[in-house]
N, C-alpha and C. Protein backbone atom coordinates (compact mmCIF):
# COMPACT_ATOMS: atom_id res chain seq x y z
N UNK A 1 24.31 18.28 -28.94
CA UNK A 1 25.21 18.81 -29.95
C UNK A 1 24.40 19.27 -31.16
N UNK A 2 24.67 20.45 -31.63
CA UNK A 2 23.95 21.01 -32.77
C UNK A 2 24.29 20.23 -34.03
N UNK A 3 23.36 20.23 -34.99
CA UNK A 3 23.56 19.47 -36.22
C UNK A 3 24.74 20.00 -37.04
N UNK A 4 25.13 21.25 -36.81
CA UNK A 4 26.23 21.82 -37.58
C UNK A 4 27.55 21.74 -36.83
N UNK A 5 27.58 21.05 -35.70
CA UNK A 5 28.82 20.94 -34.91
C UNK A 5 29.62 19.73 -35.39
N UNK A 6 30.51 19.98 -36.31
CA UNK A 6 31.34 18.92 -36.86
C UNK A 6 32.64 18.86 -36.07
N UNK A 7 33.13 17.67 -35.85
CA UNK A 7 34.34 17.49 -35.05
C UNK A 7 35.58 18.05 -35.75
N UNK A 8 35.54 18.10 -37.07
CA UNK A 8 36.69 18.59 -37.80
C UNK A 8 36.26 19.13 -39.16
N UNK A 9 37.16 19.83 -39.79
CA UNK A 9 36.95 20.33 -41.14
C UNK A 9 36.74 19.15 -42.09
N UNK A 10 37.49 18.08 -41.87
CA UNK A 10 37.36 16.89 -42.70
C UNK A 10 35.96 16.31 -42.59
N UNK A 11 35.42 16.22 -41.37
CA UNK A 11 34.06 15.71 -41.19
C UNK A 11 33.05 16.58 -41.93
N UNK A 12 33.21 17.89 -41.83
CA UNK A 12 32.32 18.82 -42.52
C UNK A 12 32.39 18.59 -44.03
N UNK A 13 33.58 18.55 -44.58
CA UNK A 13 33.74 18.38 -46.02
C UNK A 13 33.20 17.04 -46.50
N UNK A 14 33.41 15.99 -45.72
CA UNK A 14 32.90 14.68 -46.10
C UNK A 14 31.38 14.67 -46.11
N UNK A 15 30.77 15.32 -45.13
CA UNK A 15 29.30 15.38 -45.08
C UNK A 15 28.75 16.20 -46.24
N UNK A 16 29.39 17.31 -46.56
CA UNK A 16 28.95 18.12 -47.70
C UNK A 16 29.02 17.29 -48.97
N UNK A 17 30.15 16.64 -49.19
CA UNK A 17 30.32 15.87 -50.42
C UNK A 17 29.35 14.70 -50.50
N UNK A 18 29.14 14.02 -49.39
CA UNK A 18 28.18 12.91 -49.35
C UNK A 18 26.78 13.41 -49.74
N UNK A 19 26.36 14.51 -49.14
CA UNK A 19 25.02 15.06 -49.42
C UNK A 19 24.91 15.57 -50.85
N UNK A 20 25.99 16.16 -51.35
CA UNK A 20 26.01 16.60 -52.74
C UNK A 20 25.83 15.41 -53.68
N UNK A 21 26.59 14.35 -53.46
CA UNK A 21 26.51 13.17 -54.34
C UNK A 21 25.10 12.57 -54.32
N UNK A 22 24.48 12.53 -53.15
CA UNK A 22 23.12 11.99 -53.06
C UNK A 22 22.13 12.86 -53.82
N UNK A 23 22.25 14.18 -53.66
CA UNK A 23 21.35 15.09 -54.38
C UNK A 23 21.60 14.99 -55.88
N UNK A 24 22.83 15.09 -56.31
CA UNK A 24 23.13 15.04 -57.74
C UNK A 24 22.68 13.72 -58.35
N UNK A 25 22.84 12.63 -57.63
CA UNK A 25 22.44 11.31 -58.14
C UNK A 25 20.96 11.21 -58.46
N UNK A 26 20.16 11.99 -57.77
CA UNK A 26 18.71 11.98 -58.04
C UNK A 26 18.40 12.51 -59.43
N UNK A 27 19.31 13.24 -60.02
CA UNK A 27 19.09 13.83 -61.34
C UNK A 27 19.45 12.88 -62.49
N UNK A 28 20.01 11.73 -62.17
CA UNK A 28 20.47 10.83 -63.22
C UNK A 28 19.37 10.41 -64.19
N UNK A 29 18.15 10.29 -63.70
CA UNK A 29 17.07 9.84 -64.59
C UNK A 29 16.06 10.95 -64.90
N UNK A 30 16.52 12.20 -64.82
CA UNK A 30 15.67 13.33 -65.23
C UNK A 30 16.26 13.88 -66.52
N UNK A 31 15.45 13.93 -67.54
CA UNK A 31 15.89 14.40 -68.85
C UNK A 31 15.97 15.93 -68.87
N UNK A 32 16.86 16.44 -69.71
CA UNK A 32 16.98 17.90 -69.88
C UNK A 32 15.63 18.55 -70.19
N UNK A 33 14.80 17.86 -70.96
CA UNK A 33 13.51 18.42 -71.36
C UNK A 33 12.55 18.58 -70.18
N UNK A 34 12.86 17.99 -69.04
CA UNK A 34 11.99 18.04 -67.87
C UNK A 34 12.43 19.08 -66.84
N UNK A 35 13.48 19.81 -67.12
CA UNK A 35 14.10 20.69 -66.13
C UNK A 35 13.19 21.77 -65.58
N UNK A 36 12.24 22.24 -66.38
CA UNK A 36 11.39 23.35 -65.96
C UNK A 36 9.96 22.94 -65.64
N UNK A 37 9.72 21.66 -65.49
CA UNK A 37 8.36 21.20 -65.18
C UNK A 37 8.07 21.48 -63.71
N UNK A 38 7.00 22.25 -63.51
CA UNK A 38 6.57 22.60 -62.16
C UNK A 38 5.37 21.72 -61.79
N UNK A 39 5.45 21.12 -60.63
CA UNK A 39 4.35 20.30 -60.13
C UNK A 39 3.79 20.94 -58.86
N UNK A 40 2.49 20.85 -58.67
CA UNK A 40 1.87 21.50 -57.51
C UNK A 40 2.41 20.99 -56.16
N UNK A 41 2.87 19.76 -56.12
CA UNK A 41 3.33 19.16 -54.87
C UNK A 41 4.73 19.61 -54.43
N UNK A 42 5.47 20.25 -55.34
CA UNK A 42 6.85 20.65 -55.06
C UNK A 42 7.01 22.12 -55.46
N UNK A 43 7.65 22.89 -54.58
CA UNK A 43 7.71 24.35 -54.81
C UNK A 43 8.79 24.80 -55.79
N UNK A 44 9.62 23.89 -56.27
CA UNK A 44 10.66 24.26 -57.23
C UNK A 44 10.75 23.22 -58.34
N UNK A 45 11.19 23.68 -59.50
CA UNK A 45 11.44 22.75 -60.61
C UNK A 45 12.82 22.12 -60.39
N UNK A 46 13.12 21.06 -61.12
CA UNK A 46 14.47 20.49 -61.00
C UNK A 46 15.58 21.52 -61.26
N UNK A 47 15.40 22.37 -62.26
CA UNK A 47 16.42 23.38 -62.57
C UNK A 47 16.51 24.42 -61.45
N UNK A 48 15.39 24.81 -60.89
CA UNK A 48 15.40 25.81 -59.83
C UNK A 48 16.13 25.32 -58.58
N UNK A 49 16.03 24.04 -58.31
CA UNK A 49 16.73 23.49 -57.15
C UNK A 49 18.24 23.69 -57.30
N UNK A 50 18.75 23.37 -58.46
CA UNK A 50 20.19 23.54 -58.67
C UNK A 50 20.56 25.02 -58.74
N UNK A 51 19.75 25.83 -59.42
CA UNK A 51 20.03 27.26 -59.51
C UNK A 51 20.07 27.90 -58.12
N UNK A 52 19.18 27.49 -57.24
CA UNK A 52 19.16 27.97 -55.86
C UNK A 52 20.51 27.70 -55.20
N UNK A 53 20.98 26.47 -55.35
CA UNK A 53 22.26 26.10 -54.74
C UNK A 53 23.42 26.86 -55.35
N UNK A 54 23.42 27.01 -56.66
CA UNK A 54 24.48 27.77 -57.31
C UNK A 54 24.48 29.20 -56.79
N UNK A 55 23.31 29.77 -56.68
CA UNK A 55 23.21 31.15 -56.18
C UNK A 55 23.73 31.30 -54.77
N UNK A 56 23.28 30.45 -53.86
CA UNK A 56 23.69 30.59 -52.46
C UNK A 56 25.16 30.28 -52.23
N UNK A 57 25.66 29.23 -52.84
CA UNK A 57 27.08 28.89 -52.62
C UNK A 57 27.97 30.02 -53.11
N UNK A 58 27.67 30.55 -54.27
CA UNK A 58 28.45 31.69 -54.79
C UNK A 58 28.30 32.91 -53.89
N UNK A 59 27.11 33.16 -53.40
CA UNK A 59 26.86 34.32 -52.56
C UNK A 59 27.65 34.25 -51.26
N UNK A 60 27.60 33.11 -50.58
CA UNK A 60 28.32 32.97 -49.31
C UNK A 60 29.82 33.15 -49.53
N UNK A 61 30.36 32.53 -50.56
CA UNK A 61 31.79 32.70 -50.81
C UNK A 61 32.13 34.14 -51.17
N UNK A 62 31.20 34.84 -51.81
CA UNK A 62 31.45 36.25 -52.15
C UNK A 62 31.50 37.11 -50.89
N UNK A 63 30.71 36.79 -49.88
CA UNK A 63 30.76 37.55 -48.63
C UNK A 63 32.17 37.48 -48.04
N UNK A 64 32.71 36.28 -48.01
CA UNK A 64 34.04 36.08 -47.45
C UNK A 64 35.10 36.79 -48.29
N UNK A 65 35.02 36.62 -49.60
CA UNK A 65 35.98 37.26 -50.52
C UNK A 65 35.91 38.77 -50.39
N UNK A 66 34.71 39.33 -50.40
CA UNK A 66 34.55 40.78 -50.32
C UNK A 66 35.10 41.34 -49.01
N UNK A 67 34.83 40.65 -47.91
CA UNK A 67 35.36 41.12 -46.63
C UNK A 67 36.90 41.08 -46.62
N UNK A 68 37.46 40.01 -47.15
CA UNK A 68 38.92 39.90 -47.19
C UNK A 68 39.55 40.98 -48.07
N UNK A 69 38.79 41.48 -49.04
CA UNK A 69 39.27 42.55 -49.92
C UNK A 69 38.99 43.93 -49.33
N UNK A 70 38.49 43.97 -48.09
CA UNK A 70 38.26 45.24 -47.41
C UNK A 70 36.92 45.90 -47.69
N UNK A 71 36.06 45.22 -48.39
CA UNK A 71 34.75 45.78 -48.70
C UNK A 71 33.78 45.55 -47.54
N UNK A 72 32.77 46.40 -47.45
CA UNK A 72 31.69 46.19 -46.50
C UNK A 72 30.72 45.22 -47.16
N UNK A 73 30.45 44.12 -46.50
CA UNK A 73 29.59 43.09 -47.07
C UNK A 73 28.13 43.47 -46.87
N UNK A 74 27.40 43.50 -47.97
CA UNK A 74 25.97 43.77 -47.92
C UNK A 74 25.24 42.45 -48.06
N UNK A 75 24.53 42.08 -46.99
CA UNK A 75 23.89 40.76 -46.97
C UNK A 75 22.38 40.90 -47.05
N UNK A 76 21.74 40.01 -47.78
CA UNK A 76 22.36 38.89 -48.49
C UNK A 76 23.07 39.31 -49.77
N UNK A 77 22.68 40.46 -50.36
CA UNK A 77 23.40 40.94 -51.54
C UNK A 77 23.16 42.44 -51.67
N UNK A 78 23.95 43.13 -52.48
CA UNK A 78 23.74 44.57 -52.65
C UNK A 78 22.35 44.91 -53.21
N UNK A 79 21.76 43.99 -53.94
CA UNK A 79 20.47 44.25 -54.58
C UNK A 79 19.25 43.79 -53.79
N UNK A 80 19.46 42.98 -52.74
CA UNK A 80 18.33 42.39 -51.99
C UNK A 80 18.58 42.46 -50.50
N UNK A 81 17.52 42.67 -49.76
CA UNK A 81 17.57 42.64 -48.29
C UNK A 81 17.03 41.29 -47.83
N UNK A 82 17.20 40.99 -46.54
CA UNK A 82 16.77 39.70 -46.02
C UNK A 82 15.26 39.48 -46.18
N UNK A 83 14.48 40.55 -46.23
CA UNK A 83 13.03 40.38 -46.41
C UNK A 83 12.65 40.29 -47.88
N UNK A 84 13.63 40.15 -48.76
CA UNK A 84 13.39 40.02 -50.19
C UNK A 84 13.98 38.71 -50.74
N UNK A 85 13.98 37.67 -49.93
CA UNK A 85 14.59 36.41 -50.36
C UNK A 85 13.88 35.81 -51.57
N UNK A 86 12.57 35.96 -51.64
CA UNK A 86 11.85 35.44 -52.81
C UNK A 86 12.36 36.05 -54.10
N UNK A 87 12.59 37.35 -54.07
CA UNK A 87 13.13 38.03 -55.25
C UNK A 87 14.57 37.60 -55.53
N UNK A 88 15.34 37.38 -54.47
CA UNK A 88 16.71 36.89 -54.64
C UNK A 88 16.70 35.53 -55.32
N UNK A 89 15.82 34.63 -54.87
CA UNK A 89 15.74 33.30 -55.48
C UNK A 89 15.36 33.41 -56.95
N UNK A 90 14.43 34.32 -57.26
CA UNK A 90 14.03 34.51 -58.65
C UNK A 90 15.23 34.95 -59.50
N UNK A 91 16.10 35.77 -58.90
CA UNK A 91 17.30 36.20 -59.65
C UNK A 91 18.22 35.01 -59.91
N UNK A 92 18.32 34.09 -58.95
CA UNK A 92 19.12 32.88 -59.17
C UNK A 92 18.55 32.09 -60.35
N UNK A 93 17.23 31.90 -60.33
CA UNK A 93 16.59 31.11 -61.38
C UNK A 93 16.80 31.77 -62.74
N UNK A 94 16.67 33.08 -62.79
CA UNK A 94 16.84 33.81 -64.05
C UNK A 94 18.28 33.70 -64.55
N UNK A 95 19.25 33.82 -63.62
CA UNK A 95 20.67 33.74 -64.01
C UNK A 95 21.01 32.44 -64.72
N UNK A 96 20.32 31.36 -64.36
CA UNK A 96 20.66 30.04 -64.90
C UNK A 96 19.57 29.48 -65.81
N UNK A 97 18.60 30.29 -66.17
CA UNK A 97 17.44 29.79 -66.93
C UNK A 97 17.80 29.27 -68.32
N UNK A 98 18.87 29.75 -68.91
CA UNK A 98 19.26 29.30 -70.25
C UNK A 98 20.09 28.02 -70.24
N UNK A 99 20.43 27.54 -69.05
CA UNK A 99 21.25 26.33 -68.95
C UNK A 99 20.38 25.08 -69.05
N UNK A 100 20.92 24.06 -69.69
CA UNK A 100 20.26 22.76 -69.67
C UNK A 100 20.48 22.15 -68.29
N UNK A 101 19.75 21.11 -68.00
CA UNK A 101 19.95 20.42 -66.72
C UNK A 101 21.36 19.82 -66.66
N UNK A 102 21.83 19.33 -67.77
CA UNK A 102 23.19 18.78 -67.83
C UNK A 102 24.21 19.88 -67.50
N UNK A 103 24.03 21.05 -68.08
CA UNK A 103 24.94 22.17 -67.80
C UNK A 103 24.85 22.59 -66.33
N UNK A 104 23.64 22.64 -65.80
CA UNK A 104 23.47 23.00 -64.39
C UNK A 104 24.19 22.01 -63.49
N UNK A 105 24.07 20.74 -63.80
CA UNK A 105 24.75 19.72 -62.98
C UNK A 105 26.27 19.87 -63.05
N UNK A 106 26.77 20.21 -64.23
CA UNK A 106 28.23 20.42 -64.36
C UNK A 106 28.66 21.64 -63.55
N UNK A 107 27.88 22.72 -63.62
CA UNK A 107 28.18 23.91 -62.82
C UNK A 107 28.14 23.59 -61.32
N UNK A 108 27.15 22.81 -60.93
CA UNK A 108 27.00 22.43 -59.53
C UNK A 108 28.18 21.57 -59.07
N UNK A 109 28.58 20.64 -59.91
CA UNK A 109 29.74 19.78 -59.58
C UNK A 109 30.99 20.63 -59.39
N UNK A 110 31.22 21.54 -60.32
CA UNK A 110 32.41 22.40 -60.24
C UNK A 110 32.35 23.32 -59.03
N UNK A 111 31.16 23.84 -58.74
CA UNK A 111 31.02 24.75 -57.61
C UNK A 111 31.13 24.02 -56.27
N UNK A 112 30.66 22.80 -56.21
CA UNK A 112 30.82 22.02 -54.97
C UNK A 112 32.30 21.80 -54.69
N UNK A 113 33.08 21.54 -55.73
CA UNK A 113 34.53 21.39 -55.55
C UNK A 113 35.14 22.71 -55.08
N UNK A 114 34.74 23.81 -55.69
CA UNK A 114 35.24 25.12 -55.28
C UNK A 114 34.86 25.42 -53.83
N UNK A 115 33.65 25.06 -53.43
CA UNK A 115 33.16 25.23 -52.06
C UNK A 115 34.05 24.45 -51.08
N UNK A 116 34.35 23.20 -51.42
CA UNK A 116 35.20 22.38 -50.57
C UNK A 116 36.63 22.94 -50.52
N UNK A 117 37.13 23.43 -51.64
CA UNK A 117 38.46 24.04 -51.66
C UNK A 117 38.48 25.31 -50.80
N UNK A 118 37.42 26.09 -50.87
CA UNK A 118 37.30 27.30 -50.04
C UNK A 118 37.36 26.92 -48.56
N UNK A 119 36.60 25.90 -48.19
CA UNK A 119 36.59 25.44 -46.79
C UNK A 119 37.98 24.98 -46.39
N UNK A 120 38.66 24.28 -47.29
CA UNK A 120 40.02 23.80 -47.03
C UNK A 120 40.96 24.94 -46.64
N UNK A 121 40.74 26.11 -47.21
CA UNK A 121 41.61 27.25 -46.95
C UNK A 121 41.21 28.07 -45.73
N UNK A 122 40.15 27.66 -45.04
CA UNK A 122 39.74 28.33 -43.82
C UNK A 122 40.42 27.69 -42.62
N UNK A 123 40.80 28.49 -41.67
CA UNK A 123 41.40 27.95 -40.45
C UNK A 123 40.29 27.46 -39.53
N UNK A 124 40.68 26.63 -38.56
CA UNK A 124 39.70 26.18 -37.57
C UNK A 124 39.14 27.38 -36.81
N UNK A 125 39.97 28.37 -36.57
CA UNK A 125 39.51 29.58 -35.89
C UNK A 125 38.42 30.27 -36.71
N UNK A 126 38.64 30.38 -38.00
CA UNK A 126 37.63 30.99 -38.87
C UNK A 126 36.34 30.18 -38.86
N UNK A 127 36.45 28.87 -38.88
CA UNK A 127 35.27 28.02 -38.93
C UNK A 127 34.48 28.01 -37.62
N UNK A 128 35.17 27.91 -36.51
CA UNK A 128 34.52 27.63 -35.24
C UNK A 128 34.38 28.83 -34.31
N UNK A 129 35.12 29.91 -34.55
CA UNK A 129 35.09 31.05 -33.64
C UNK A 129 34.24 32.17 -34.23
N UNK A 130 33.17 32.49 -33.54
CA UNK A 130 32.29 33.57 -33.98
C UNK A 130 33.03 34.90 -33.95
N UNK A 131 32.82 35.69 -35.01
CA UNK A 131 33.37 37.04 -35.04
C UNK A 131 34.70 37.19 -35.74
N UNK A 132 35.33 36.09 -36.15
CA UNK A 132 36.59 36.21 -36.88
C UNK A 132 36.34 36.99 -38.18
N UNK A 133 35.19 36.74 -38.78
CA UNK A 133 34.77 37.49 -39.97
C UNK A 133 33.51 38.27 -39.64
N UNK A 134 33.50 39.55 -39.98
CA UNK A 134 32.36 40.41 -39.66
C UNK A 134 31.07 39.92 -40.31
N UNK A 135 31.17 39.36 -41.51
CA UNK A 135 29.95 38.96 -42.22
C UNK A 135 29.17 37.88 -41.49
N UNK A 136 29.81 37.15 -40.59
CA UNK A 136 29.07 36.11 -39.86
C UNK A 136 28.21 36.70 -38.75
N UNK A 137 28.32 37.99 -38.52
CA UNK A 137 27.49 38.64 -37.50
C UNK A 137 28.10 38.53 -36.12
N UNK A 138 27.30 38.87 -35.12
CA UNK A 138 27.82 38.83 -33.75
C UNK A 138 27.05 37.87 -32.85
N UNK A 139 26.17 37.07 -33.42
CA UNK A 139 25.46 36.06 -32.64
C UNK A 139 26.40 34.89 -32.39
N UNK A 140 26.69 34.60 -31.11
CA UNK A 140 27.65 33.52 -30.82
C UNK A 140 27.19 32.15 -31.31
N UNK A 141 25.92 32.01 -31.63
CA UNK A 141 25.41 30.74 -32.13
C UNK A 141 25.57 30.60 -33.65
N UNK A 142 26.20 31.58 -34.30
CA UNK A 142 26.35 31.56 -35.75
C UNK A 142 27.81 31.70 -36.20
N UNK A 143 28.67 30.77 -35.82
CA UNK A 143 30.02 30.80 -36.38
C UNK A 143 29.96 30.43 -37.87
N UNK A 144 31.03 30.63 -38.57
CA UNK A 144 31.05 30.38 -40.02
C UNK A 144 30.63 28.96 -40.36
N UNK A 145 30.98 28.00 -39.54
CA UNK A 145 30.63 26.61 -39.85
C UNK A 145 29.12 26.42 -39.94
N UNK A 146 28.39 27.20 -39.17
CA UNK A 146 26.92 27.11 -39.24
C UNK A 146 26.42 27.69 -40.56
N UNK A 147 27.00 28.81 -40.99
CA UNK A 147 26.64 29.38 -42.29
C UNK A 147 26.92 28.36 -43.40
N UNK A 148 28.04 27.69 -43.31
CA UNK A 148 28.42 26.69 -44.31
C UNK A 148 27.42 25.54 -44.31
N UNK A 149 27.08 25.06 -43.13
CA UNK A 149 26.14 23.95 -43.00
C UNK A 149 24.77 24.30 -43.60
N UNK A 150 24.24 25.47 -43.22
CA UNK A 150 22.88 25.81 -43.67
C UNK A 150 22.80 26.17 -45.15
N UNK A 151 23.95 26.36 -45.78
CA UNK A 151 23.94 26.66 -47.20
C UNK A 151 24.45 25.51 -48.06
N UNK A 152 24.76 24.38 -47.44
CA UNK A 152 25.18 23.22 -48.22
C UNK A 152 24.54 21.95 -47.68
N UNK A 153 25.00 21.43 -46.58
CA UNK A 153 24.49 20.16 -46.06
C UNK A 153 22.97 20.19 -45.90
N UNK A 154 22.45 21.21 -45.24
CA UNK A 154 21.01 21.26 -44.96
C UNK A 154 20.18 21.32 -46.24
N UNK A 155 20.44 22.27 -47.16
CA UNK A 155 19.62 22.28 -48.37
C UNK A 155 19.89 21.09 -49.31
N UNK A 156 21.12 20.60 -49.35
CA UNK A 156 21.37 19.42 -50.18
C UNK A 156 20.47 18.28 -49.71
N UNK A 157 20.30 18.16 -48.40
CA UNK A 157 19.47 17.11 -47.82
C UNK A 157 17.99 17.35 -48.10
N UNK A 158 17.52 18.57 -47.83
CA UNK A 158 16.09 18.85 -48.03
C UNK A 158 15.73 18.85 -49.51
N UNK A 159 16.62 19.32 -50.37
CA UNK A 159 16.32 19.32 -51.79
C UNK A 159 16.35 17.91 -52.38
N UNK A 160 17.11 17.03 -51.78
CA UNK A 160 17.06 15.64 -52.25
C UNK A 160 15.66 15.08 -52.03
N UNK A 161 15.09 15.38 -50.86
CA UNK A 161 13.72 14.93 -50.59
C UNK A 161 12.74 15.57 -51.58
N UNK A 162 12.95 16.85 -51.90
CA UNK A 162 12.06 17.54 -52.84
C UNK A 162 12.15 16.94 -54.24
N UNK A 163 13.36 16.66 -54.69
CA UNK A 163 13.49 16.14 -56.05
C UNK A 163 12.96 14.71 -56.13
N UNK A 164 13.08 13.96 -55.05
CA UNK A 164 12.49 12.63 -55.01
C UNK A 164 10.96 12.72 -55.09
N UNK A 165 10.41 13.67 -54.35
CA UNK A 165 8.96 13.90 -54.39
C UNK A 165 8.54 14.35 -55.79
N UNK A 166 9.33 15.22 -56.41
CA UNK A 166 9.05 15.68 -57.76
C UNK A 166 9.02 14.48 -58.71
N UNK A 167 10.02 13.62 -58.63
CA UNK A 167 10.09 12.46 -59.53
C UNK A 167 8.89 11.53 -59.32
N UNK A 168 8.54 11.31 -58.07
CA UNK A 168 7.39 10.43 -57.77
C UNK A 168 6.11 11.02 -58.36
N UNK A 169 5.88 12.30 -58.16
CA UNK A 169 4.66 12.93 -58.67
C UNK A 169 4.70 13.08 -60.19
N UNK A 170 5.86 13.31 -60.75
CA UNK A 170 5.99 13.39 -62.21
C UNK A 170 5.65 12.04 -62.83
N UNK A 171 6.11 10.97 -62.21
CA UNK A 171 5.81 9.63 -62.72
C UNK A 171 4.30 9.37 -62.67
N UNK A 172 3.65 9.80 -61.60
CA UNK A 172 2.19 9.62 -61.48
C UNK A 172 1.46 10.37 -62.59
N UNK A 173 1.87 11.60 -62.84
CA UNK A 173 1.23 12.42 -63.87
C UNK A 173 1.39 11.75 -65.24
N UNK A 174 2.56 11.19 -65.49
CA UNK A 174 2.81 10.56 -66.79
C UNK A 174 2.09 9.22 -66.96
N UNK A 175 1.62 8.63 -65.86
CA UNK A 175 0.87 7.38 -65.94
C UNK A 175 -0.60 7.59 -66.15
N UNK A 176 -1.06 8.83 -65.92
CA UNK A 176 -2.49 9.11 -66.09
C UNK A 176 -2.87 9.00 -67.56
N UNK A 177 -4.10 8.51 -67.80
CA UNK A 177 -4.54 8.38 -69.20
C UNK A 177 -4.75 9.73 -69.86
C-alpha cells in the first residue's frame, strides 16, 4: 500500500493535522530573532520552511480553484515552470520575508485549517479517482490525494526533521566559545 493511500478522508485529515502540530511545535522554542539564521547543515532557515509550506499549500488550492472557475491551470504557476522550482521557492521566501516567525506560524495555522476545510469539500471521487480534475494530470498513480499528501503530510514530516536538525546545530554554534 502506498504511503498516500488513506482509508478515508478523515484518516487523511487526521494525519495532516497530526504532522502539522508536530512541525509547528518544533517552533515553540525558536525566537523571532532567529527566523533567518542559515546553518550549513540545513538547507532552509526556520522562516523559509514555513514560507515554503505557505507557498505550496496556497498554490495547490489555487490549481483546484482556477480549474473550477474554467481557467486553464498553469503548473506549477504562471510565472514558473517545473524546471524552475528553485526560483519558485525563492518567490515564496520573498513573499513572506517581512513576517516575523510568530506571524508566519499564525499564517501557517490558519492555512492548515483552510487546507483541511478544502479537503472536507472534496468528494471521495475527487480524492481517489485520477482525472476528475485536469490539473492532477493523466498518470493513474497521481490522484488528487497523492498531490495532497506530497504537499502536506510528506513535507510536514521531512521539515520537522530539518527544523530539529537546525535547532541541534544552532545550539552547538551557540555553545562554542
